[in-house]
Amino acid sequence: MAVAIMFSTPMLWSLGAFGDGDEALRRALIFLFSGLWFGIGIGYAASWALRGFVLRAKDHDDDDDEPAHARPAARPPAAPPHPPARPGH
């Protein structure tokens, strides 16, 4: 998007889309920089949103792929303690 703005601004300026004189150059520069910021902002926002979606989908998919027997079982109960020593033995 930013590249399209960079190429379209000189073409629109040469066609007179921004008016005549120094005011046209000022309008063309405003159009160029606002388009670049908009394109950069949309790019970052889209990548941020897609990254969040992919991470959320990956976490959700990981839970579904594991078979029930592959999950670690509960810890076995501890062995009973040794009986106390009898006196005299």
Protein backbone atom coordinates (compact mmCIF):
# COMPACT_ATOMS: atom_id res chain seq x y z
CA MET A 1 0.00 0.00 0.00
CA ALA A 2 2.80 2.41 0.91
CA VAL A 3 4.56 1.62 -2.36
CA ALA A 4 1.38 2.36 -4.31
CA ILE A 5 1.12 5.75 -2.59
CA MET A 6 4.77 6.50 -3.35
CA PHE A 7 4.22 5.84 -7.06
CA SER A 8 0.79 7.43 -7.35
CA THR A 9 1.67 10.76 -5.69
CA PRO A 10 4.03 12.06 -8.43
CA MET A 11 1.64 10.85 -11.12
CA LEU A 12 -1.34 12.61 -9.52
CA TRP A 13 0.75 15.76 -8.98
CA SER A 14 1.84 15.82 -12.62
CA LEU A 15 -1.78 15.44 -13.72
CA GLY A 16 -2.76 18.43 -11.60
CA ALA A 17 -4.93 16.51 -9.15
CA PHE A 18 -3.63 18.60 -6.22
CA GLY A 19 -4.14 21.99 -7.85
CA ASP A 20 -1.66 24.57 -9.16
CA GLY A 21 1.44 26.27 -7.73
CA ASP A 22 3.13 25.82 -4.40
CA GLU A 23 -0.12 24.76 -2.76
CA ALA A 24 -0.21 21.71 -5.05
CA LEU A 25 3.24 20.62 -3.89
CA ARG A 26 2.20 21.03 -0.26
CA ARG A 27 -0.96 18.96 -0.84
CA ALA A 28 1.02 16.29 -2.68
CA LEU A 29 3.51 16.00 0.19
CA ILE A 30 0.69 15.78 2.74
CA PHE A 31 -0.95 13.08 0.62
CA LEU A 32 2.35 11.19 0.33
CA PHE A 33 3.24 11.23 4.03
CA SER A 34 -0.26 10.54 5.27
CA GLY A 35 -0.52 7.62 2.84
CA LEU A 36 2.83 6.24 3.98
CA TRP A 37 1.86 6.47 7.66
CA PHE A 38 -1.50 4.89 6.93
CA GLY A 39 0.11 2.02 5.01
CA ILE A 40 2.71 1.42 7.71
CA GLY A 41 0.08 1.56 10.44
CA ILE A 42 -2.24 -0.86 8.65
CA GLY A 43 0.70 -3.22 8.06
CA TYR A 44 1.67 -3.28 11.73
CA ALA A 45 -1.93 -3.60 12.90
CA ALA A 46 -2.65 -6.45 10.51
CA SER A 47 0.52 -8.32 11.45
CA TRP A 48 -0.24 -7.84 15.16
CA ALA A 49 -3.81 -9.13 14.72
CA LEU A 50 -2.75 -12.09 12.58
CA ARG A 51 0.01 -13.03 15.03
CA GLY A 52 -2.50 -13.05 17.87
CA PHE A 53 -4.93 -15.14 15.85
CA VAL A 54 -2.25 -17.66 14.87
CA LEU A 55 -1.03 -18.01 18.46
CA ARG A 56 -4.57 -18.49 19.73
CA ALA A 57 -5.37 -21.03 17.01
CA LYS A 58 -2.10 -22.88 17.64
CA ASP A 59 -2.78 -23.17 21.38
CA HIS A 60 -6.29 -24.41 20.68
CA ASP A 61 -5.15 -26.95 18.08
CA ASP A 62 -2.42 -28.33 20.33
CA ASP A 63 -4.97 -29.36 22.94
CA ASP A 64 -7.08 -31.24 20.40
CA ASP A 65 -4.22 -33.20 18.82
CA GLU A 66 -3.09 -35.07 21.92
CA PRO A 67 -4.73 -38.46 22.41
CA ALA A 68 -6.13 -39.15 25.85
CA HIS A 69 -3.61 -41.92 26.64
CA ALA A 70 -0.63 -39.68 25.81
CA ARG A 71 -1.41 -37.22 28.57
CA PRO A 72 0.49 -37.83 31.77
CA ALA A 73 -1.50 -39.84 34.27
CA ALA A 74 -2.01 -38.80 37.81
CA ARG A 75 0.88 -39.55 40.12
CA PRO A 76 0.64 -43.03 41.66
CA PRO A 77 -0.13 -43.07 45.36
CA ALA A 78 2.87 -43.06 47.63
CA ALA A 79 3.96 -46.37 49.13
CA PRO A 80 2.79 -46.86 52.71
CA PRO A 81 5.43 -46.01 55.29
CA HIS A 82 7.35 -48.81 56.93
CA PRO A 83 5.74 -50.16 60.06
CA PRO A 84 7.35 -48.90 63.23
CA ALA A 85 10.06 -51.10 64.62
CA ARG A 86 8.93 -53.38 67.39
CA PRO A 87 10.70 -52.94 70.66
CA GLY A 88 13.36 -55.48 71.26
CA HIS A 89 13.93 -56.48 67.65
